[in-house]
Structures are given as C-alpha cells and as structure tokens.
Amino acid sequence: MKDISLQGESRIIDDQRAVIRDNLAHMNEEMSHYTGLILVSGVDSPGITQSLFDTLAPFAITVLDIEQVVIRDRLILTVLIALNPAHAEAIEEDLQACAQKLSIDIATSFQEQGQSTIAAKSGLVHVVALGNPLSPAAIAAIASAIASQDGNIERIQRTASYPITAIEFVVSGANQLSIRQCLAEVTTTHSVDIAVSPGGLMRWAKKLVVMDVDSTLIQQEVIELLAAKAGVESEVTAITESAMRGEIDFAESLISRVALLKGLPKSVIEDVQREIVLTPGARTLVQTLHTLGHSVALVSGGFTEVIKPIVEDLKIQHYRANSLEIVDGKLTGKVAGPIIDRAAKATALREFAAIEGVTLEQTIAIGDGANDLDMISIAGLGIAFNAKPAVKAAADSSVSAPYLDSVLYLLGITREEVEEAGATRK
C-alpha cells in the first residue's frame, strides 16, 4: 500500500510540475509578444545605468536590446524589453520615480509585437564620411542618397573628431556598389570624402595597404628635388605635371626627366634624402596599421636610392621603385632596370598580396597621380589622396585633407583605437 501511495503522490507532483511549466510557457509566450521601449536622456553621471536596471530587476523582464551614447556629457540610453503586459503600468510608475530621483527624463512605449526576436542583419554596408568641417547639408545629402537606394541607416557614430571629423553610417538593405555610385556626386557637391565598404567579419581581416611615395607618403617629388640640384627644376616639373595628368606616358616622361640629371654627383642623393619630409599623419598611418596586424608596401615611380632610408625607418617590408644608373660616382641620366610605371605598380600590388596571403578584395591602394590608376582600379579599395581630378574620378574614395592618417578612418578604425595603438608602441 505504501508503494502505491508514493506512486500516486509522484503522479500528483508531476502533474503540478506540468501545470507550472504550461503556465511559464504561456507567460513567456505572452511576454514574447509584448515589448517595452525605454528611452533615457539627461545629463550623464555615474550610476544611471545601474539605477535603471535595479528598478527593472524585480519584474519578470527579458532584455532584448540596449544602446547608449554620450555626447558632450549628455546621455541617451535606449532599452528594449519583453514583459508581462500586466506589469506594464507598475514598471512605468517605478521608472518615473527613478527618473525623478536621478533628475533625468525616461520615456516609455509598451505595445504588442508580433516578433520579439532581434534578427541579426546581414549584408550591412559601412559608409564613412570625412569632413573638415562637416556640414549639415552634407549629412542630409548622404542620408538622401542612401534612402534613394532603399537603404536604411541602422546606426550612426562619430569615429574621429581630430584632425578631421569622421562619421560612420551602418546601412542595411542597399547594394554596396549602388550606394558608392550614388554617393559619388555628394563628395564633389559638398566637399566631403566618403568611403563605402562591406560589413561582416572580412572588414576586420588582415589588409595590405600599398602606397605611392612622392606627394603621398612624402610631401615632395623626389625627381624635382634632384632636378633642383642640376638646375633643371622647371623643365622637370613641367614634364612631371604633364605625366601626372595622364597627358604623356609615364615611362617616356621618366626617361626624359632622368636624362636631364646626367652628370650629377652621387652625393646629391644624400642631400635630397635630408630634404624629404613625410606627409602629416604618414608615420601614424604606417605604425597603426602595423600595430593592428596589417601590412604596408610602397610602390614608387621615384628611386630606390632615395626612399630606402624611409623604408627602413618605417619598417616597411615590401617596396618597389626605379633605380638610377650610377657610373664612376655620377648619374648617367639613365634608369637601371625595368621602369616602375602604372602597370608595374599594379603587378607589385598583386605580388605583395600573394606574399602576404591577402586577397585583392582586402587590399587598399593609395595614390595621387595617373601612374597610380592601375593599382587603384584593382585594389579592393582605391583611395585618391589629394589627387588629380582623373584619379579622384577613378578611385573608390578620396581624401582631400592633408593628413594621411585620415585613411585609417575610412577603414573603420576610430581615433580612440589610433591613440590606443600609439600608446601600445610607447
């Protein structure tokens, strides 16, 4: 009899557990269809987030989403919760008491919702805008262009405020190529630099950044510095400008310019090396990329003999440039070996990418002249740096500010991360 009694009690307990489970399932289902949006705003101070969630803790609530931002000591915090609709009034009353206690504003919105799951969105596109200054009209134009392509702005955040302002838009529902083409007009109309790149894990994959040297990594044109030593600067400058505009073939222009250097003593190379000045932000760009695990390469229509100290100073592993023929301690006026023209620059990018195990989609090419067009066109992201109009038109993005480290913001790297990388190196 005792065993039968125990079996009966066990069945009763199991039945009670089943009822409890059913009730919990019903409550959870009810909660899953009823959500509350909480918006907190006010002057930021320690303890606001803690007080908010301490207020919510006694209730049967599931937190679905949170986002917070602080701008000039002003807090905006949004929380999406799933809740039992029977508790909505009590939650709202307690939140208002919390707001009064903390001297902040709390707004709430409770409603039925068919689907409470926060779906992970794929195919996101990142649009980064650089401005110095960045005007409201430019932001409006960017938003309009995105909307015209059926894109929805999911998130906007500032990624840098110095030395330029960088704003990143995360966009869903739009094609990357369509967005990029649509934003091209905005860049010229509103004097803002814009880069468009895909989201996802590949955004943070290892990259190879390949740069031109003259008027990109450094502020000068090396051959013009050499020409000044030979007293033929004006002649060489005229040929250089014509070549940069794409009016004459680069190889032909290089041969003509180098011929004007015939007879210069080898010692002028060291003199020119001392005159070279890095572009503002160049060292920060290279060192930050290295610290973050990316690779940097140089491809130059200039000369190995002049740029080698820069390569060593910046610890750049891959570089390719022309070589000056030197006989008996003097320049012969000829180039030794193959000429590094626009086709050779593109070839170098491919070869360096293969060495580093990086796909072309994960390469970035930076240049300013027609000689850089081929490598800019094949790179995953081609950037025209203070470039000629033809180069800007061909590039995916451009940088008009005189700071080379602005490129980091186009890659999604924030100013805070740049400074952290700098602190790590010290």
Protein backbone atom coordinates (compact mmCIF):
# COMPACT_ATOMS: atom_id res chain seq x y z
CA MET A 1 0.00 0.00 0.00
CA LYS A 2 2.87 2.34 0.82
CA ASP A 3 4.39 1.96 -2.66
CA ILE A 4 1.01 2.65 -4.32
CA SER A 5 0.57 5.79 -2.22
CA LEU A 6 4.03 7.06 -3.14
CA GLN A 7 3.34 6.44 -6.81
CA GLY A 8 0.11 8.43 -6.52
CA GLU A 9 1.91 11.33 -4.85
CA SER A 10 4.59 11.21 -7.53
CA ARG A 11 1.95 11.47 -10.26
CA ILE A 12 0.34 14.43 -8.49
CA ILE A 13 3.73 16.18 -8.24
CA ASP A 14 4.43 15.51 -11.94
CA ASP A 15 1.00 16.90 -12.85
CA GLN A 16 1.69 20.03 -10.79
CA ARG A 17 5.06 20.49 -12.48
CA ALA A 18 3.39 20.17 -15.88
CA VAL A 19 0.88 22.85 -14.94
CA ILE A 20 3.68 25.13 -13.76
CA ARG A 21 5.60 24.52 -16.99
CA ASP A 22 2.49 25.27 -19.05
CA ASN A 23 1.88 28.45 -17.09
CA LEU A 24 5.50 29.54 -17.50
CA ALA A 25 5.40 28.74 -21.21
CA HIS A 26 2.17 30.71 -21.56
CA MET A 27 3.69 33.64 -19.66
CA ASN A 28 6.85 33.55 -21.75
CA GLU A 29 4.81 33.40 -24.95
CA GLU A 30 2.71 36.30 -23.75
CA MET A 31 5.87 38.26 -22.88
CA SER A 32 7.47 37.48 -26.24
CA HIS A 33 4.63 39.34 -27.95
CA TYR A 34 4.62 42.35 -25.64
CA THR A 35 7.58 44.71 -25.58
CA GLY A 36 8.54 47.97 -23.99
CA LEU A 37 10.87 50.61 -25.33
CA ILE A 38 12.57 52.72 -22.67
CA LEU A 39 14.33 55.97 -23.62
CA VAL A 40 16.54 57.62 -21.01
CA SER A 41 18.03 61.09 -21.59
CA GLY A 42 19.68 63.70 -19.44
CA VAL A 43 22.99 64.90 -18.04
CA ASP A 44 25.27 61.90 -17.66
CA SER A 45 26.52 60.85 -14.24
CA PRO A 46 27.79 57.62 -12.64
CA GLY A 47 25.10 55.20 -11.53
CA ILE A 48 22.29 55.97 -14.02
CA THR A 49 22.50 52.63 -15.80
CA GLN A 50 22.67 50.74 -12.51
CA SER A 51 19.64 52.57 -11.08
CA LEU A 52 17.64 51.94 -14.25
CA PHE A 53 18.20 48.20 -14.17
CA ASP A 54 17.80 47.98 -10.40
CA THR A 55 14.33 49.45 -11.00
CA LEU A 56 13.55 46.81 -13.63
CA ALA A 57 15.09 43.87 -11.71
CA PRO A 58 12.03 42.95 -9.53
CA PHE A 59 9.87 42.37 -12.62
CA ALA A 60 9.70 39.35 -14.95
CA ILE A 61 11.54 41.04 -17.81
CA THR A 62 13.83 39.93 -20.61
CA VAL A 63 16.29 42.47 -22.01
CA LEU A 64 16.24 42.33 -25.83
CA ASP A 65 18.41 45.25 -26.90
CA ILE A 66 20.43 48.10 -25.40
CA GLU A 67 22.18 51.09 -26.96
CA GLN A 68 23.83 54.03 -25.21
CA VAL A 69 25.71 57.11 -26.35
CA VAL A 70 27.14 60.12 -24.51
CA ILE A 71 27.71 63.37 -26.42
CA ARG A 72 29.07 66.41 -24.58
CA ASP A 73 28.03 64.94 -21.20
CA ARG A 74 24.52 64.30 -22.48
CA LEU A 75 23.29 60.71 -22.13
CA ILE A 76 20.90 58.91 -24.45
CA LEU A 77 20.16 55.29 -23.42
CA THR A 78 17.59 53.06 -25.10
CA VAL A 79 16.48 49.65 -23.81
CA LEU A 80 14.07 47.21 -25.46
CA ILE A 81 12.46 44.69 -23.10
CA ALA A 82 9.96 41.85 -23.28
CA LEU A 83 7.49 41.89 -20.36
CA ASN A 84 4.21 40.63 -18.98
CA PRO A 85 1.59 43.19 -20.07
CA ALA A 86 0.03 43.00 -16.60
CA HIS A 87 3.21 44.61 -15.22
CA ALA A 88 3.44 47.49 -17.69
CA GLU A 89 1.71 50.08 -15.52
CA ALA A 90 3.76 49.22 -12.44
CA ILE A 91 7.01 49.30 -14.44
CA GLU A 92 6.14 52.70 -15.88
CA GLU A 93 5.36 54.11 -12.42
CA ASP A 94 8.63 52.82 -10.97
CA LEU A 95 10.60 54.21 -13.94
CA GLN A 96 9.08 57.66 -13.44
CA ALA A 97 10.07 57.55 -9.76
CA CYS A 98 13.58 56.58 -10.84
CA ALA A 99 13.67 59.50 -13.31
CA GLN A 100 12.62 61.96 -10.63
CA LYS A 101 15.23 60.63 -8.22
CA LEU A 102 18.05 60.93 -10.78
CA SER A 103 16.84 64.22 -12.38
CA ILE A 104 16.67 62.65 -15.83
CA ASP A 105 13.94 62.00 -18.40
CA ILE A 106 12.56 58.50 -19.00
CA ALA A 107 10.03 57.92 -21.78
CA THR A 108 8.34 54.56 -22.32
CA SER A 109 6.33 52.88 -25.05
CA PHE A 110 4.64 49.49 -24.46
CA GLN A 111 2.95 47.57 -27.24
CA GLU A 112 2.10 44.22 -28.78
CA GLN A 113 4.77 42.98 -31.16
CA GLY A 114 4.46 40.05 -33.49
CA GLN A 115 8.07 39.03 -33.30
CA SER A 116 10.39 39.97 -30.43
CA THR A 117 13.49 38.26 -31.75
CA ILE A 118 16.19 40.74 -32.75
CA ALA A 119 17.27 39.31 -36.07
CA ALA A 120 20.92 39.58 -36.99
CA LYS A 121 21.14 41.62 -40.18
CA SER A 122 23.50 40.55 -42.91
CA GLY A 123 24.74 42.42 -45.94
CA LEU A 124 25.40 45.58 -43.99
CA VAL A 125 27.30 48.39 -45.70
CA HIS A 126 29.52 50.87 -43.88
CA VAL A 127 29.64 54.44 -45.17
CA VAL A 128 32.34 56.67 -43.66
CA ALA A 129 32.26 60.41 -44.28
CA LEU A 130 35.22 62.72 -43.61
CA GLY A 131 34.80 66.46 -43.40
CA ASN A 132 36.78 69.44 -42.25
CA PRO A 133 34.33 70.89 -41.45
CA LEU A 134 31.37 68.53 -41.88
CA SER A 135 28.19 70.45 -42.68
CA PRO A 136 24.51 69.56 -42.01
CA ALA A 137 23.88 69.78 -45.75
CA ALA A 138 26.48 67.08 -46.36
CA ILE A 139 24.87 64.74 -43.81
CA ALA A 140 21.44 65.40 -45.35
CA ALA A 141 22.79 64.63 -48.83
CA ILE A 142 24.38 61.38 -47.63
CA ALA A 143 21.14 60.30 -45.96
CA SER A 144 19.17 61.20 -49.08
CA ALA A 145 21.49 59.19 -51.31
CA ILE A 146 21.22 56.17 -49.04
CA ALA A 147 17.42 56.41 -48.95
CA SER A 148 17.28 56.69 -52.74
CA GLN A 149 18.84 53.22 -52.93
CA ASP A 150 16.30 51.79 -50.43
CA GLY A 151 18.98 51.74 -47.77
CA ASN A 152 18.09 52.11 -44.11
CA ILE A 153 20.53 53.75 -41.69
CA GLU A 154 20.79 51.37 -38.74
CA ARG A 155 23.38 53.26 -36.76
CA ILE A 156 25.42 56.47 -36.90
CA GLN A 157 28.51 57.12 -34.83
CA ARG A 158 31.43 59.51 -34.71
CA THR A 159 34.73 57.73 -35.17
CA ALA A 160 37.04 60.75 -35.10
CA SER A 161 36.90 64.42 -34.24
CA TYR A 162 40.58 65.29 -34.75
CA PRO A 163 42.23 66.35 -37.00
CA ILE A 164 39.06 65.90 -39.07
CA THR A 165 35.54 64.78 -38.29
CA ALA A 166 34.69 61.21 -39.28
CA ILE A 167 31.13 59.88 -39.15
CA GLU A 168 30.22 56.25 -39.86
CA PHE A 169 26.80 55.15 -41.11
CA VAL A 170 25.85 51.46 -40.88
CA VAL A 171 23.34 50.77 -43.65
CA SER A 172 21.08 47.80 -44.34
CA GLY A 173 19.03 46.87 -47.40
CA ALA A 174 21.26 48.50 -50.01
CA ASN A 175 23.78 47.31 -52.57
CA GLN A 176 27.35 48.41 -51.89
CA LEU A 177 28.10 49.36 -55.50
CA SER A 178 24.83 51.27 -55.90
CA ILE A 179 25.44 53.21 -52.68
CA ARG A 180 29.01 54.03 -53.74
CA GLN A 181 27.91 55.30 -57.15
CA CYS A 182 25.08 57.34 -55.68
CA LEU A 183 27.37 58.98 -53.13
CA ALA A 184 29.98 59.97 -55.74
CA GLU A 185 28.11 63.17 -56.55
CA VAL A 186 27.80 64.06 -52.86
CA THR A 187 31.58 64.07 -52.47
CA THR A 188 32.04 66.79 -55.08
CA THR A 189 28.93 68.84 -54.33
CA HIS A 190 29.51 69.03 -50.58
CA SER A 191 33.33 68.75 -50.35
CA VAL A 192 33.20 65.65 -48.22
CA ASP A 193 35.26 62.47 -48.55
CA ILE A 194 33.28 59.21 -48.47
CA ALA A 195 34.26 55.55 -48.40
CA VAL A 196 31.86 52.62 -48.76
CA SER A 197 32.85 49.15 -47.59
CA PRO A 198 31.07 45.87 -46.78
CA GLY A 199 30.39 44.85 -43.20
CA GLY A 200 30.90 41.41 -41.70
CA LEU A 201 33.99 39.67 -40.41
CA MET A 202 36.06 40.44 -43.51
CA ARG A 203 36.02 44.09 -42.52
CA TRP A 204 38.47 43.21 -39.76
CA ALA A 205 40.56 40.74 -41.77
CA LYS A 206 44.25 41.37 -42.43
CA LYS A 207 44.79 44.01 -45.10
CA LEU A 208 47.62 45.07 -47.36
CA VAL A 209 47.92 48.82 -47.84
CA VAL A 210 50.01 49.80 -50.87
CA MET A 211 51.07 53.43 -51.18
CA ASP A 212 52.63 55.68 -53.73
CA VAL A 213 55.55 57.67 -52.31
CA ASP A 214 56.00 61.05 -54.00
CA SER A 215 53.26 63.52 -52.93
CA THR A 216 51.57 60.73 -50.99
CA LEU A 217 53.82 59.23 -48.32
CA ILE A 218 56.14 62.23 -48.62
CA GLN A 219 55.37 65.85 -49.42
CA GLN A 220 57.85 66.25 -52.27
CA GLU A 221 58.50 64.85 -55.73
CA VAL A 222 61.96 63.30 -55.45
CA ILE A 223 62.91 63.83 -59.06
CA GLU A 224 62.16 67.55 -58.69
CA LEU A 225 64.48 67.73 -55.69
CA LEU A 226 67.20 66.10 -57.80
CA ALA A 227 66.41 68.43 -60.69
CA ALA A 228 66.92 71.45 -58.44
CA LYS A 229 70.47 70.23 -57.80
CA ALA A 230 71.05 70.08 -61.56
CA GLY A 231 69.44 73.45 -62.24
CA VAL A 232 66.70 71.95 -64.42
CA GLU A 233 63.80 72.07 -61.95
CA SER A 234 61.36 73.99 -64.17
CA GLU A 235 61.88 71.62 -67.12
CA VAL A 236 61.43 68.52 -64.97
CA THR A 237 58.38 69.96 -63.16
CA ALA A 238 56.63 70.65 -66.44
CA ILE A 239 57.17 67.06 -67.61
CA THR A 240 56.10 65.68 -64.20
CA GLU A 241 52.83 67.62 -64.17
CA SER A 242 52.01 66.52 -67.69
CA ALA A 243 52.62 62.88 -66.76
CA MET A 244 50.57 63.14 -63.54
CA ARG A 245 47.65 64.45 -65.57
CA GLY A 246 47.97 61.44 -67.85
CA GLU A 247 48.85 63.56 -70.90
CA ILE A 248 52.05 61.66 -71.66
CA ASP A 249 53.22 58.13 -70.96
CA PHE A 250 54.93 57.79 -67.58
CA ALA A 251 57.83 55.69 -68.84
CA GLU A 252 58.54 58.22 -71.57
CA SER A 253 58.35 61.10 -69.11
CA LEU A 254 60.66 59.36 -66.64
CA ILE A 255 63.30 58.72 -69.30
CA SER A 256 63.13 62.38 -70.37
CA ARG A 257 63.41 63.69 -66.82
CA VAL A 258 66.22 61.39 -65.73
CA ALA A 259 68.20 62.34 -68.85
CA LEU A 260 68.24 65.92 -67.53
CA LEU A 261 70.06 64.70 -64.38
CA LYS A 262 73.07 63.42 -66.26
CA GLY A 263 76.37 64.34 -64.61
CA LEU A 264 75.02 64.92 -61.07
CA PRO A 265 77.39 63.54 -58.42
CA LYS A 266 76.16 60.58 -56.38
CA SER A 267 76.45 62.69 -53.22
CA VAL A 268 73.29 64.66 -54.13
CA ILE A 269 71.24 61.60 -53.23
CA GLU A 270 72.13 62.01 -49.57
CA ASP A 271 71.42 65.74 -49.82
CA VAL A 272 67.95 65.01 -51.18
CA GLN A 273 67.29 62.38 -48.51
CA ARG A 274 67.77 65.05 -45.86
CA GLU A 275 65.23 67.33 -47.57
CA ILE A 276 62.42 64.78 -47.66
CA VAL A 277 59.50 65.40 -45.28
CA LEU A 278 56.84 62.82 -44.52
CA THR A 279 53.24 63.82 -45.18
CA PRO A 280 51.44 64.71 -41.91
CA GLY A 281 49.97 61.53 -40.45
CA ALA A 282 52.14 59.20 -42.58
CA ARG A 283 54.06 57.76 -39.64
CA THR A 284 50.84 57.34 -37.63
CA LEU A 285 49.18 55.57 -40.56
CA VAL A 286 52.00 53.08 -41.06
CA GLN A 287 52.65 52.40 -37.38
CA THR A 288 48.96 51.97 -36.57
CA LEU A 289 48.47 49.53 -39.43
CA HIS A 290 51.49 47.53 -38.29
CA THR A 291 50.28 47.51 -34.67
CA LEU A 292 46.88 46.20 -35.78
CA GLY A 293 48.47 43.37 -37.76
CA HIS A 294 48.12 44.78 -41.28
CA SER A 295 50.89 45.04 -43.89
CA VAL A 296 52.18 48.13 -45.69
CA ALA A 297 54.02 48.29 -49.00
CA LEU A 298 55.42 51.11 -51.12
CA VAL A 299 55.44 51.31 -54.91
CA SER A 300 57.12 54.35 -56.35
CA GLY A 301 57.87 55.93 -59.66
CA GLY A 302 60.74 57.53 -57.75
CA PHE A 303 64.04 55.96 -56.87
CA THR A 304 65.14 53.20 -54.51
CA GLU A 305 68.37 55.03 -53.69
CA VAL A 306 66.39 57.94 -52.20
CA ILE A 307 63.49 56.20 -50.43
CA LYS A 308 65.41 53.31 -48.86
CA PRO A 309 66.05 55.17 -45.56
CA ILE A 310 62.29 55.84 -45.28
CA VAL A 311 61.55 52.16 -45.84
CA GLU A 312 63.97 51.20 -43.09
CA ASP A 313 62.77 53.90 -40.70
CA LEU A 314 59.10 52.89 -41.05
CA LYS A 315 59.95 49.17 -41.03
CA ILE A 316 58.20 48.55 -44.34
CA GLN A 317 58.94 45.08 -45.69
CA HIS A 318 57.80 45.39 -49.30
CA TYR A 319 58.75 48.16 -51.70
CA ARG A 320 59.43 48.66 -55.36
CA ALA A 321 60.89 51.69 -57.17
CA ASN A 322 63.09 52.71 -60.06
CA SER A 323 66.88 52.72 -59.84
CA LEU A 324 69.24 55.42 -61.04
CA GLU A 325 72.21 54.27 -63.09
CA ILE A 326 75.41 55.49 -61.45
CA VAL A 327 78.84 55.11 -63.03
CA ASP A 328 82.08 56.44 -61.56
CA GLY A 329 80.19 58.25 -58.82
CA LYS A 330 77.92 60.18 -61.21
CA LEU A 331 74.39 59.82 -62.54
CA THR A 332 74.43 58.72 -66.17
CA GLY A 333 71.00 60.12 -66.98
CA LYS A 334 69.58 56.62 -67.41
CA VAL A 335 67.29 54.32 -65.41
CA ALA A 336 68.80 50.98 -64.41
CA GLY A 337 66.44 48.04 -64.79
CA PRO A 338 62.69 47.90 -65.50
CA ILE A 339 60.70 51.11 -65.18
CA ILE A 340 58.03 51.13 -62.47
CA ASP A 341 55.09 52.53 -64.40
CA ARG A 342 51.36 52.20 -63.73
CA ALA A 343 51.24 48.60 -64.95
CA ALA A 344 54.26 47.67 -62.83
CA LYS A 345 52.61 49.21 -59.76
CA ALA A 346 49.54 47.02 -60.24
CA THR A 347 51.78 43.98 -60.70
CA ALA A 348 53.62 44.83 -57.50
CA LEU A 349 50.33 45.06 -55.59
CA ARG A 350 49.31 41.60 -56.79
CA GLU A 351 52.71 40.11 -55.93
CA PHE A 352 52.84 41.69 -52.46
CA ALA A 353 49.29 40.49 -51.76
CA ALA A 354 50.28 36.93 -52.72
CA ILE A 355 53.32 37.08 -50.44
CA GLU A 356 51.18 38.31 -47.52
CA GLY A 357 48.38 35.83 -48.21
CA VAL A 358 45.86 38.63 -48.73
CA THR A 359 43.13 38.58 -51.38
CA LEU A 360 42.79 41.54 -53.72
CA GLU A 361 39.48 42.38 -52.00
CA GLN A 362 41.47 43.03 -48.82
CA THR A 363 43.99 45.38 -50.45
CA ILE A 364 43.97 49.17 -50.32
CA ALA A 365 45.84 51.29 -52.86
CA ILE A 366 46.63 54.96 -52.16
CA GLY A 367 47.99 57.36 -54.76
CA ASP A 368 47.66 60.78 -56.33
CA GLY A 369 48.61 60.55 -59.99
CA ALA A 370 47.82 58.84 -63.25
CA ASN A 371 50.70 56.45 -62.58
CA ASP A 372 48.63 55.01 -59.71
CA LEU A 373 45.44 54.35 -61.67
CA ASP A 374 46.01 50.66 -62.42
CA MET A 375 46.72 49.66 -58.82
CA ILE A 376 43.83 51.82 -57.59
CA SER A 377 41.46 50.07 -60.01
CA ILE A 378 42.37 46.50 -59.00
CA ALA A 379 42.54 47.08 -55.22
CA GLY A 380 39.59 46.27 -53.00
CA LEU A 381 39.56 49.94 -52.02
CA GLY A 382 41.27 52.57 -54.15
CA ILE A 383 41.92 55.89 -52.44
CA ALA A 384 42.91 59.11 -54.20
CA PHE A 385 44.99 61.21 -51.83
CA ASN A 386 44.91 64.94 -52.67
CA ALA A 387 44.84 63.71 -56.22
CA LYS A 388 44.34 64.97 -59.72
CA PRO A 389 40.67 65.04 -60.97
CA ALA A 390 41.15 62.00 -63.20
CA VAL A 391 42.42 59.95 -60.28
CA LYS A 392 39.59 61.08 -57.99
CA ALA A 393 37.08 60.06 -60.64
CA ALA A 394 38.58 56.58 -60.93
CA ALA A 395 39.08 55.90 -57.21
CA ASP A 396 36.53 54.34 -54.87
CA SER A 397 37.18 57.11 -52.36
CA SER A 398 39.31 60.18 -51.89
CA VAL A 399 40.98 62.11 -49.10
CA SER A 400 41.15 65.87 -49.54
CA ALA A 401 42.52 66.72 -46.10
CA PRO A 402 46.33 66.95 -45.87
CA TYR A 403 46.51 64.19 -43.25
CA LEU A 404 47.46 60.73 -44.46
CA ASP A 405 46.24 59.03 -41.28
CA SER A 406 42.70 60.05 -42.31
CA VAL A 407 42.82 56.84 -44.35
CA LEU A 408 42.52 54.92 -41.08
CA TYR A 409 39.04 56.33 -40.51
CA LEU A 410 37.95 55.24 -43.98
CA LEU A 411 38.93 51.71 -42.95
CA GLY A 412 36.66 51.87 -39.90
CA ILE A 413 39.46 52.45 -37.38
CA THR A 414 38.47 55.03 -34.77
CA ARG A 415 40.53 57.86 -33.33
CA GLU A 416 40.43 56.14 -29.94
CA GLU A 417 41.88 52.98 -31.49
CA VAL A 418 44.59 55.02 -33.23
CA GLU A 419 45.59 56.60 -29.92
CA GLU A 420 45.48 53.23 -28.14
CA ALA A 421 47.74 51.73 -30.81
CA GLY A 422 50.13 54.66 -30.30
CA ALA A 423 50.17 54.12 -26.54
CA THR A 424 50.92 50.43 -27.10
CA ARG A 425 54.06 51.30 -29.07
CA LYS A 426 55.48 53.52 -26.34
